[in-house]
Each structure stands twice: as C-alpha cells, then as structure tokens.
Amino acid sequence: MSEPQPEYSAYREASFGHAIFDIKNRTHAYYIWHRNSLWFFNRYWYPVDEIKAASTTRKMGFSD
C-alpha cells in the first residue's frame, strides 16, 4: 500500500460483488446485484495444503 493514500483507490474487494446492467429497449433496463459469498484462490499463488484444508472444512461443518 502506498503512503500517503492517494485521493482515489483502484482497489476492489472481491467479496463486494458485481452487478449486471442489461438495457432491454429504449424504455426498459434490467439491473441485478450479485454479492459474492465465496472466495476462490489461485492455487499457484496461494498454495493450500489440501489435507489441512479438508480437515478444517469438516470441523466447520462443510462436508463434501
């Protein structure tokens, strides 16, 4: 992070979500918001020990 913080920030938190704005015709448009509830990590940049991760998810009640 840069110091001091700039007036603008290009950082976007992934859990925030995304929107879809679909223009149907001259008088109607469709807007929908999707809040992200899952986080996906790239295993190359964020390696995870799969045995450790599996035991953690079972303890939390998330089973296959």
Protein backbone atom coordinates (compact mmCIF):
# COMPACT_ATOMS: atom_id res chain seq x y z
CA MET A 1 0.00 0.00 0.00
CA SER A 2 1.30 3.43 -0.84
CA GLU A 3 1.79 6.11 1.75
CA PRO A 4 0.14 8.56 1.81
CA GLN A 5 -3.08 7.07 0.45
CA PRO A 6 -3.99 8.66 -2.92
CA GLU A 7 -7.28 10.55 -3.35
CA TYR A 8 -8.60 7.67 -5.43
CA SER A 9 -8.17 3.95 -5.00
CA ALA A 10 -8.23 1.29 -7.71
CA TYR A 11 -8.51 -1.46 -5.07
CA ARG A 12 -11.69 -3.53 -5.23
CA GLU A 13 -12.51 -6.02 -2.53
CA ALA A 14 -13.59 -9.31 -4.10
CA SER A 15 -16.30 -10.01 -1.54
CA PHE A 16 -18.15 -6.86 -2.54
CA GLY A 17 -19.78 -8.41 -5.61
CA HIS A 18 -20.71 -7.34 -9.10
CA ALA A 19 -23.70 -6.00 -11.00
CA ILE A 20 -25.28 -6.66 -14.37
CA PHE A 21 -26.98 -3.81 -16.19
CA ASP A 22 -28.89 -5.03 -19.24
CA ILE A 23 -30.59 -2.47 -21.47
CA LYS A 24 -33.67 -4.15 -22.96
CA ASN A 25 -35.01 -1.35 -25.17
CA ARG A 26 -35.44 2.45 -25.19
CA THR A 27 -37.66 2.44 -22.10
CA HIS A 28 -36.63 -0.61 -20.06
CA ALA A 29 -33.44 -1.82 -18.43
CA TYR A 30 -32.68 -4.64 -16.02
CA TYR A 31 -30.25 -4.21 -13.12
CA ILE A 32 -29.27 -7.02 -10.76
CA TRP A 33 -26.68 -7.14 -7.98
CA HIS A 34 -24.73 -10.29 -7.05
CA ARG A 35 -22.95 -10.22 -3.72
CA ASN A 36 -20.05 -12.66 -3.68
CA SER A 37 -20.37 -15.19 -0.88
CA LEU A 38 -17.44 -17.43 -1.82
CA TRP A 39 -13.76 -16.64 -2.18
CA PHE A 40 -11.69 -18.52 -4.72
CA PHE A 41 -7.93 -18.61 -4.51
CA ASN A 42 -5.45 -19.35 -7.23
CA ARG A 43 -3.57 -22.44 -6.03
CA TYR A 44 -0.42 -21.33 -7.83
CA TRP A 45 -0.16 -18.05 -5.92
CA TYR A 46 -1.92 -19.26 -2.74
CA PRO A 47 -0.91 -22.90 -2.26
CA VAL A 48 -3.04 -24.74 0.27
CA ASP A 49 -2.28 -28.00 1.98
CA GLU A 50 -5.36 -29.95 0.85
CA ILE A 51 -5.31 -32.34 3.81
CA LYS A 52 -5.23 -29.42 6.24
CA ALA A 53 -7.94 -27.56 4.30
CA ALA A 54 -10.19 -30.64 4.21
CA SER A 55 -9.93 -31.18 7.97
CA THR A 56 -10.68 -27.50 8.60
CA THR A 57 -13.82 -27.54 6.45
CA ARG A 58 -15.10 -30.69 8.18
CA LYS A 59 -14.65 -29.02 11.59
CA MET A 60 -16.65 -26.04 10.34
CA GLY A 61 -19.49 -28.28 9.14
CA PHE A 62 -18.76 -28.07 5.41
CA SER A 63 -18.58 -31.60 4.09
CA ASP A 64 -18.31 -32.93 0.54
